[in-house]
Amino acid sequence: METNYRETLQADFDAFDISEELGFILEEPLTHLPDYYRVWLDLANNLTHLIESRKLRDVVHKMPILSPHLLSNHRELRLAHLALGFISMGYVWQEGQHEPAQILPKALAWPYWLISRRLGLPPILTYADSVLANWKLKDPTGDMEIGNMDLIFSFPGGESCRGFFMVSLLVEMAASSGIMGALEVMHAMKISDLIGIQKGLIRVTQSLKKMKETFQLMHNHVEPNAFHGTLRIFVSGWRDNPMLPRGLLYEGVSNEPILLSGGSAAQSSAIQCFDALLCIQHEGETGAFLTRMRDYMPPAHRQLIETLSVCPSLRDFITTCSSSDLCQAYNSCVSALVDLRSYHLNTVAKYVTVPGNHARSMGCPLRGVGTALNTTGTGGSNLMVFLKSVRNTTQKALILERPTTSRET
């Protein structure tokens, strides 16, 4: 029986491109490509200096147009997508909010477009790039902990940039056991295995608590003014963005500007998996935005969310099965997700709202995000309204009344 279950889980790992230890994180990302693509990696590796010296756009204009046909496997494609994503963000935002580039040159736009089509990702830097595929170990024999990890590519912002992406990665690592728990619940539901469902839910709850605990590292590694004033613009997109209201023209790809959202935590497949598992349904603009963010996830990861979404309702099952233990396990899980979202809300206030209000009161800075994104997320959502909405909808999923048969007489 155990062997069959391991085979089932392995089939899930393969189908959804996940691993037991790392969840949705790309395992062992490459740091090198075939020599033909050296110019891409040279630019991406030197990006911070080129942006700060205002030379990146000039260098990009001299770039040859390279074909992506020599990229032969998934990891090579992910590294190329990551490199071109970083270069594109640097190119667009090199001059800050007042002079964003309106056109992405063909030497970037055309290969980026083709690589994106092969991966099923959009041609913009996504969370799946900057967080899930942008890490390496300083000592390959050491552990995956923040002191032994580094980014493959970085933006201006120094240690705060490194800290922002690294802590986000560690939060995703903490989510990996929860993803396993979600799979356990999904398979236990098929055979009405109450103990299996309960064990899976407990695993998800523990994972969510670990995610919140890990997220607290943000305060040790990211300085609010560095994040808001320097880094944030480089993860901003060109949809629902007042700095690029018409979008970005991809030269050689389209005759019209293209609208794409920047990377954000809304693109985390893990969080959307937990919503789908717990039957938390976000509606209206919030629901539409979260559904659209799935287009920014690797297709296999998106498929897991959609698979969980079409499973029979876990919440309905629990409300009808008269098990107080199961009801309690479900509610603990929902409460842990509420806590994580509340903590995220407070952290966003510290890193976006407060520095943004300070920047506005001091007058708009010459570079960086300034005040243009003070109320808007990098993905293009109305930030605080969106975060409060998802938190409140999560809270409403709690099962308020215990089944009567479980009460003591």
Protein backbone atom coordinates (compact mmCIF):
# COMPACT_ATOMS: atom_id res chain seq x y z
CA MET A 1 0.00 0.00 0.00
CA GLU A 2 2.82 2.37 0.98
CA THR A 3 4.64 1.55 -2.28
CA ASN A 4 1.55 2.36 -4.31
CA TYR A 5 1.13 5.67 -2.49
CA ARG A 6 4.77 6.61 -3.15
CA GLU A 7 4.24 5.79 -6.83
CA THR A 8 1.14 7.99 -6.84
CA LEU A 9 3.07 10.86 -5.25
CA GLN A 10 5.95 10.43 -7.70
CA ALA A 11 3.44 10.63 -10.56
CA ASP A 12 2.19 13.90 -9.02
CA PHE A 13 5.76 15.25 -8.72
CA ASP A 14 6.33 14.52 -12.41
CA ALA A 15 2.97 15.83 -13.62
CA PHE A 16 3.14 19.09 -11.65
CA ASP A 17 6.93 19.59 -11.81
CA ILE A 18 7.38 19.72 -8.02
CA SER A 19 9.68 18.04 -5.52
CA GLU A 20 9.17 16.87 -1.95
CA GLU A 21 12.02 19.00 -0.56
CA LEU A 22 11.62 22.17 -2.62
CA GLY A 23 7.99 22.27 -3.74
CA PHE A 24 7.67 24.64 -6.70
CA ILE A 25 11.30 25.86 -6.50
CA LEU A 26 13.42 24.95 -9.53
CA GLU A 27 15.92 22.30 -8.43
CA GLU A 28 19.60 23.08 -9.09
CA PRO A 29 19.17 26.04 -11.48
CA LEU A 30 21.89 26.43 -14.08
CA THR A 31 24.21 29.44 -13.99
CA HIS A 32 25.75 28.95 -17.45
CA LEU A 33 24.45 28.68 -21.01
CA PRO A 34 26.12 27.60 -24.26
CA ASP A 35 28.86 30.09 -25.21
CA TYR A 36 26.73 31.48 -28.05
CA TYR A 37 24.61 33.24 -25.38
CA ARG A 38 27.54 34.74 -23.48
CA VAL A 39 26.40 38.31 -24.20
CA TRP A 40 23.12 37.70 -22.34
CA LEU A 41 24.82 36.36 -19.23
CA ASP A 42 27.55 39.01 -19.32
CA LEU A 43 24.87 41.73 -19.26
CA ALA A 44 22.74 40.03 -16.61
CA ASN A 45 25.75 39.38 -14.37
CA ASN A 46 26.82 43.04 -14.64
CA LEU A 47 23.32 44.49 -14.45
CA THR A 48 23.54 46.57 -11.27
CA HIS A 49 26.66 48.43 -12.48
CA LEU A 50 25.18 49.01 -15.94
CA ILE A 51 21.94 50.40 -14.48
CA GLU A 52 23.65 52.60 -11.90
CA SER A 53 26.05 54.01 -14.51
CA ARG A 54 23.12 54.53 -16.93
CA LYS A 55 24.87 52.45 -19.60
CA LEU A 56 22.56 49.45 -19.91
CA ARG A 57 20.37 50.86 -22.69
CA ASP A 58 23.43 51.76 -24.79
CA VAL A 59 24.86 48.25 -24.38
CA VAL A 60 21.51 46.62 -25.26
CA HIS A 61 21.30 48.72 -28.44
CA LYS A 62 24.58 47.10 -29.58
CA MET A 63 23.44 43.54 -28.77
CA PRO A 64 23.26 40.99 -31.59
CA ILE A 65 19.93 39.27 -32.23
CA LEU A 66 20.44 35.69 -31.07
CA SER A 67 18.23 32.73 -31.86
CA PRO A 68 17.13 30.59 -28.90
CA HIS A 69 17.33 27.37 -30.95
CA LEU A 70 20.48 26.13 -29.11
CA LEU A 71 18.64 26.08 -25.75
CA SER A 72 17.94 22.38 -25.43
CA ASN A 73 16.31 21.72 -22.05
CA HIS A 74 14.04 23.16 -19.39
CA ARG A 75 16.79 24.49 -17.11
CA GLU A 76 18.56 26.24 -19.99
CA LEU A 77 15.28 27.86 -21.01
CA ARG A 78 14.57 28.95 -17.42
CA LEU A 79 18.04 30.55 -17.09
CA ALA A 80 17.64 32.34 -20.43
CA HIS A 81 14.18 33.57 -19.42
CA LEU A 82 15.59 34.77 -16.09
CA ALA A 83 18.52 36.59 -17.73
CA LEU A 84 16.42 38.29 -20.41
CA GLY A 85 13.82 39.18 -17.77
CA PHE A 86 16.37 40.93 -15.59
CA ILE A 87 17.91 42.73 -18.56
CA SER A 88 14.47 43.82 -19.83
CA MET A 89 13.44 45.21 -16.44
CA GLY A 90 16.74 47.07 -16.16
CA TYR A 91 16.34 48.43 -19.70
CA VAL A 92 12.79 49.67 -19.14
CA TRP A 93 13.39 51.22 -15.71
CA GLN A 94 17.03 52.38 -15.98
CA GLU A 95 16.00 56.05 -15.76
CA GLY A 96 13.41 55.54 -13.02
CA GLN A 97 9.75 56.50 -13.12
CA HIS A 98 10.08 59.60 -15.29
CA GLU A 99 11.61 58.04 -18.41
CA PRO A 100 10.56 54.40 -18.75
CA ALA A 101 11.40 52.87 -22.10
CA GLN A 102 8.36 52.58 -24.38
CA ILE A 103 9.93 49.99 -26.70
CA LEU A 104 11.86 46.80 -25.90
CA PRO A 105 14.51 46.43 -28.66
CA LYS A 106 14.28 43.42 -30.98
CA ALA A 107 17.56 41.91 -29.68
CA LEU A 108 15.77 41.46 -26.32
CA ALA A 109 12.13 41.21 -27.37
CA TRP A 110 12.32 38.58 -30.11
CA PRO A 111 14.34 35.81 -28.37
CA TYR A 112 12.52 36.58 -25.09
CA TRP A 113 9.19 36.07 -26.81
CA LEU A 114 10.24 32.75 -28.38
CA ILE A 115 11.71 31.40 -25.12
CA SER A 116 8.55 32.45 -23.26
CA ARG A 117 6.37 30.57 -25.72
CA ARG A 118 8.43 27.40 -25.23
CA LEU A 119 8.09 27.68 -21.43
CA GLY A 120 4.43 28.76 -21.40
CA LEU A 121 5.40 31.92 -19.48
CA PRO A 122 4.88 35.58 -20.44
CA PRO A 123 7.85 37.67 -21.66
CA ILE A 124 8.31 39.58 -18.41
CA LEU A 125 10.18 38.84 -15.17
CA THR A 126 7.83 36.68 -13.11
CA TYR A 127 7.89 35.40 -9.53
CA ALA A 128 8.75 32.00 -11.04
CA ASP A 129 11.92 33.62 -12.45
CA SER A 130 13.14 36.03 -9.79
CA VAL A 131 12.29 33.83 -6.78
CA LEU A 132 11.92 30.19 -7.86
CA ALA A 133 14.77 30.02 -10.42
CA ASN A 134 17.22 32.70 -9.23
CA TRP A 135 19.29 30.94 -6.55
CA LYS A 136 22.60 29.16 -6.11
CA LEU A 137 24.55 27.72 -3.20
CA LYS A 138 27.84 29.37 -2.21
CA ASP A 139 29.06 25.99 -0.96
CA PRO A 140 27.42 23.27 -3.10
CA THR A 141 27.88 20.74 -0.29
CA GLY A 142 26.20 23.00 2.29
CA ASP A 143 22.57 23.47 3.30
CA MET A 144 19.92 25.67 1.74
CA GLU A 145 19.95 28.42 4.35
CA ILE A 146 20.26 32.15 3.83
CA GLY A 147 23.95 32.35 4.76
CA ASN A 148 24.90 29.75 2.13
CA MET A 149 22.69 31.07 -0.68
CA ASP A 150 23.02 33.81 -3.24
CA LEU A 151 21.11 35.19 -6.20
CA ILE A 152 22.13 34.35 -9.75
CA PHE A 153 21.17 37.86 -10.93
CA SER A 154 20.41 41.01 -8.95
CA PHE A 155 19.10 44.57 -9.25
CA PRO A 156 20.32 47.74 -7.53
CA GLY A 157 19.45 47.66 -3.84
CA GLY A 158 22.43 45.73 -2.47
CA GLU A 159 21.73 43.47 0.49
CA SER A 160 18.05 44.49 0.54
CA CYS A 161 17.63 43.17 -3.00
CA ARG A 162 19.36 39.91 -2.10
CA GLY A 163 17.35 39.65 1.11
CA PHE A 164 14.01 40.29 -0.60
CA PHE A 165 14.41 37.49 -3.14
CA MET A 166 16.17 35.11 -0.73
CA VAL A 167 13.54 35.38 2.02
CA SER A 168 10.79 34.92 -0.60
CA LEU A 169 12.60 31.76 -1.74
CA LEU A 170 12.85 30.44 1.83
CA VAL A 171 9.11 31.07 2.32
CA GLU A 172 8.51 28.93 -0.78
CA MET A 173 10.77 26.25 0.72
CA ALA A 174 8.65 26.30 3.87
CA ALA A 175 5.58 25.80 1.64
CA SER A 176 6.92 22.55 0.19
CA SER A 177 5.63 20.32 3.01
CA GLY A 178 2.24 22.02 2.72
CA ILE A 179 2.09 21.14 -0.96
CA MET A 180 2.75 17.52 0.00
CA GLY A 181 -0.03 17.83 2.59
CA ALA A 182 -2.40 19.16 -0.08
CA LEU A 183 -1.65 16.13 -2.27
CA GLU A 184 -2.27 13.83 0.72
CA VAL A 185 -5.67 15.46 1.32
CA MET A 186 -6.56 15.24 -2.37
CA HIS A 187 -5.85 11.49 -2.51
CA ALA A 188 -7.45 10.77 0.88
CA MET A 189 -10.63 12.55 -0.27
CA LYS A 190 -10.97 10.11 -3.18
CA ILE A 191 -11.41 7.20 -0.76
CA SER A 192 -13.07 9.16 2.10
CA ASP A 193 -10.07 8.45 4.35
CA LEU A 194 -10.83 10.77 7.30
CA ILE A 195 -7.52 10.10 9.08
CA GLY A 196 -5.59 10.77 5.87
CA ILE A 197 -7.46 14.03 5.31
CA GLN A 198 -6.78 15.13 8.88
CA LYS A 199 -3.07 14.27 8.67
CA GLY A 200 -2.75 16.16 5.39
CA LEU A 201 -4.48 19.23 6.82
CA ILE A 202 -2.23 19.20 9.89
CA ARG A 203 0.78 19.11 7.55
CA VAL A 204 -0.55 22.12 5.60
CA THR A 205 -1.17 24.03 8.85
CA GLN A 206 2.37 23.38 10.09
CA SER A 207 3.72 24.50 6.74
CA LEU A 208 1.72 27.76 6.80
CA LYS A 209 3.02 28.51 10.30
CA LYS A 210 6.58 27.86 9.09
CA MET A 211 5.99 30.18 6.11
CA LYS A 212 4.93 33.00 8.43
CA GLU A 213 7.89 32.39 10.74
CA THR A 214 10.28 32.44 7.74
CA PHE A 215 8.65 35.57 6.31
CA GLN A 216 9.67 37.41 9.47
CA LEU A 217 13.28 37.22 8.23
CA MET A 218 12.33 39.99 5.80
CA HIS A 219 12.74 42.52 8.62
CA ASN A 220 16.34 41.41 9.22
CA HIS A 221 17.42 41.44 5.59
CA VAL A 222 15.42 44.15 3.78
CA GLU A 223 15.53 47.87 4.55
CA PRO A 224 12.17 49.57 3.79
CA ASN A 225 13.55 52.65 2.03
CA ALA A 226 15.92 50.54 -0.11
CA PHE A 227 13.02 48.30 -1.14
CA HIS A 228 10.58 51.12 -1.89
CA GLY A 229 12.98 53.67 -3.30
CA THR A 230 15.36 51.46 -5.28
CA LEU A 231 14.31 47.86 -5.84
CA ARG A 232 10.56 47.99 -6.27
CA ILE A 233 10.47 49.72 -9.64
CA PHE A 234 12.56 46.93 -11.19
CA VAL A 235 9.87 44.34 -10.44
CA SER A 236 7.08 46.61 -11.75
CA GLY A 237 5.25 45.64 -14.92
CA TRP A 238 3.40 47.46 -17.67
CA ARG A 239 -0.22 46.69 -16.99
CA ASP A 240 -2.35 48.92 -14.73
CA ASN A 241 0.81 50.96 -14.22
CA PRO A 242 0.46 54.76 -14.49
CA MET A 243 4.11 55.01 -15.57
CA LEU A 244 3.46 52.90 -18.71
CA PRO A 245 -0.29 53.25 -19.24
CA ARG A 246 -0.28 51.84 -22.78
CA GLY A 247 2.06 48.94 -22.03
CA LEU A 248 5.38 48.10 -23.72
CA LEU A 249 6.04 47.61 -27.43
CA TYR A 250 8.04 44.43 -28.14
CA GLU A 251 9.96 45.30 -31.31
CA GLY A 252 9.79 42.61 -33.98
CA VAL A 253 7.02 40.79 -32.10
CA SER A 254 3.93 43.00 -32.14
CA ASN A 255 2.87 46.26 -33.72
CA GLU A 256 0.88 47.20 -30.61
CA PRO A 257 2.11 47.64 -27.00
CA ILE A 258 1.63 44.59 -24.77
CA LEU A 259 0.23 44.83 -21.24
CA LEU A 260 1.88 42.54 -18.67
CA SER A 261 1.93 42.55 -14.86
CA GLY A 262 5.12 42.61 -12.79
CA GLY A 263 6.12 39.80 -10.46
CA SER A 264 4.33 39.61 -7.11
CA ALA A 265 3.42 37.16 -4.36
CA ALA A 266 0.04 36.77 -6.09
CA GLN A 267 2.00 34.68 -8.62
CA SER A 268 2.99 32.17 -5.91
CA SER A 269 1.49 28.83 -6.92
CA ALA A 270 1.75 27.60 -3.32
CA ILE A 271 -0.67 30.16 -1.86
CA GLN A 272 -3.18 29.62 -4.66
CA CYS A 273 -2.92 25.84 -4.10
CA PHE A 274 -3.87 26.29 -0.45
CA ASP A 275 -6.83 28.47 -1.46
CA ALA A 276 -7.98 25.81 -3.92
CA LEU A 277 -7.57 23.01 -1.37
CA LEU A 278 -9.52 24.87 1.33
CA CYS A 279 -12.23 25.98 -1.15
CA ILE A 280 -11.50 29.67 -0.54
CA GLN A 281 -13.09 31.42 -3.51
CA HIS A 282 -12.08 35.03 -4.12
CA GLU A 283 -14.67 36.92 -6.14
CA GLY A 284 -15.03 40.16 -8.08
CA GLU A 285 -11.90 42.06 -9.10
CA THR A 286 -9.77 40.22 -6.53
CA GLY A 287 -10.75 36.80 -7.89
CA ALA A 288 -10.25 37.91 -11.49
CA PHE A 289 -6.79 39.29 -10.66
CA LEU A 290 -5.69 36.08 -8.89
CA THR A 291 -6.97 33.94 -11.77
CA ARG A 292 -5.04 36.14 -14.23
CA MET A 293 -1.89 35.71 -12.14
CA ARG A 294 -1.99 31.98 -12.95
CA ASP A 295 -0.93 32.93 -16.49
CA TYR A 296 2.40 33.99 -14.95
CA MET A 297 3.08 30.57 -13.41
CA PRO A 298 4.81 27.62 -15.10
CA PRO A 299 2.03 25.58 -16.78
CA ALA A 300 2.64 22.45 -14.66
CA HIS A 301 2.28 24.48 -11.45
CA ARG A 302 -0.88 26.13 -12.76
CA GLN A 303 -2.20 22.64 -13.50
CA LEU A 304 -1.92 21.63 -9.84
CA ILE A 305 -4.04 24.63 -8.76
CA GLU A 306 -6.62 23.76 -11.39
CA THR A 307 -6.60 20.08 -10.38
CA LEU A 308 -7.24 21.01 -6.73
CA SER A 309 -9.92 23.49 -7.82
CA VAL A 310 -12.02 20.85 -9.58
CA CYS A 311 -11.79 18.24 -6.80
CA PRO A 312 -14.97 17.66 -4.75
CA SER A 313 -15.31 20.37 -2.11
CA LEU A 314 -13.24 19.57 1.00
CA ARG A 315 -15.18 22.14 3.00
CA ASP A 316 -18.56 20.64 2.05
CA PHE A 317 -17.26 17.16 2.87
CA ILE A 318 -16.15 18.24 6.33
CA THR A 319 -19.38 20.08 7.12
CA THR A 320 -21.37 16.93 6.33
CA CYS A 321 -19.18 14.22 7.87
CA SER A 322 -19.78 15.07 11.56
CA SER A 323 -16.16 14.82 12.72
CA SER A 324 -15.14 17.51 15.17
CA ASP A 325 -11.47 16.53 14.78
CA LEU A 326 -11.64 17.05 11.03
CA CYS A 327 -13.53 20.31 11.44
CA GLN A 328 -10.89 21.52 13.90
CA ALA A 329 -8.06 20.50 11.54
CA TYR A 330 -9.69 22.41 8.68
CA ASN A 331 -10.30 25.52 10.79
CA SER A 332 -6.72 25.48 12.12
CA CYS A 333 -5.51 25.40 8.53
CA VAL A 334 -7.72 28.32 7.47
CA SER A 335 -6.67 30.28 10.56
CA ALA A 336 -2.99 29.74 9.75
CA LEU A 337 -3.59 31.09 6.23
CA VAL A 338 -5.43 34.10 7.68
CA ASP A 339 -2.46 34.74 10.01
CA LEU A 340 -0.01 34.56 7.10
CA ARG A 341 -2.09 36.98 5.05
CA SER A 342 -2.47 39.38 7.97
CA TYR A 343 1.28 39.33 8.49
CA HIS A 344 1.83 39.99 4.78
CA LEU A 345 -0.59 42.92 4.98
CA ASN A 346 1.33 44.48 7.88
CA THR A 347 4.66 43.91 6.15
CA VAL A 348 3.43 45.62 2.97
CA ALA A 349 2.37 48.60 5.10
CA LYS A 350 5.92 48.81 6.46
CA TYR A 351 7.71 48.37 3.13
CA VAL A 352 5.37 50.15 0.71
CA THR A 353 2.77 52.37 2.35
CA VAL A 354 4.89 54.09 5.01
CA PRO A 355 7.96 54.78 2.79
CA GLY A 356 5.61 55.82 -0.02
CA ASN A 357 3.83 58.35 2.13
CA HIS A 358 7.19 59.65 3.37
CA ALA A 359 8.47 60.03 -0.21
CA ARG A 360 5.33 61.93 -1.19
CA SER A 361 5.61 64.29 1.78
CA MET A 362 9.28 64.95 0.98
CA GLY A 363 8.68 65.58 -2.72
CA CYS A 364 9.16 63.07 -5.50
CA PRO A 365 12.69 61.64 -5.75
CA LEU A 366 14.53 61.91 -9.04
CA ARG A 367 14.76 58.18 -9.58
CA GLY A 368 13.12 55.01 -8.33
CA VAL A 369 9.43 54.41 -7.91
CA GLY A 370 8.70 57.72 -6.27
CA THR A 371 5.00 58.09 -5.64
CA ALA A 372 3.60 56.54 -8.81
CA LEU A 373 3.10 53.08 -7.25
CA ASN A 374 2.26 54.06 -3.67
CA THR A 375 -1.16 52.40 -3.70
CA THR A 376 -0.47 49.87 -6.47
CA GLY A 377 1.17 46.45 -6.25
CA THR A 378 3.92 45.47 -8.68
CA GLY A 379 1.38 43.11 -10.24
CA GLY A 380 -0.95 46.06 -10.84
CA SER A 381 -3.50 45.51 -8.06
CA ASN A 382 -4.83 48.20 -5.74
CA LEU A 383 -2.56 46.95 -3.03
CA MET A 384 -4.13 47.35 0.42
CA VAL A 385 -7.68 46.84 -0.85
CA PHE A 386 -6.57 43.62 -2.54
CA LEU A 387 -4.68 42.28 0.48
CA LYS A 388 -7.52 43.03 2.88
CA SER A 389 -9.99 41.39 0.50
CA VAL A 390 -8.05 38.10 0.27
CA ARG A 391 -7.51 38.03 4.03
CA ASN A 392 -11.20 38.67 4.78
CA THR A 393 -12.40 36.09 2.25
CA THR A 394 -10.06 33.53 3.82
CA GLN A 395 -11.50 34.29 7.27
CA LYS A 396 -15.03 33.66 5.97
CA ALA A 397 -14.11 30.08 5.06
CA LEU A 398 -13.98 29.08 8.75
CA ILE A 399 -16.64 26.54 9.68
CA LEU A 400 -18.34 28.34 12.55
CA GLU A 401 -20.63 25.62 13.87
CA ARG A 402 -19.34 22.22 14.91
CA PRO A 403 -21.39 19.25 13.76
CA THR A 404 -23.96 18.53 16.45
CA THR A 405 -23.09 14.83 16.72
CA SER A 406 -19.60 15.71 17.92
CA ARG A 407 -20.76 17.70 20.93
CA GLU A 408 -20.44 16.14 24.35
CA THR A 409 -23.70 15.17 25.98
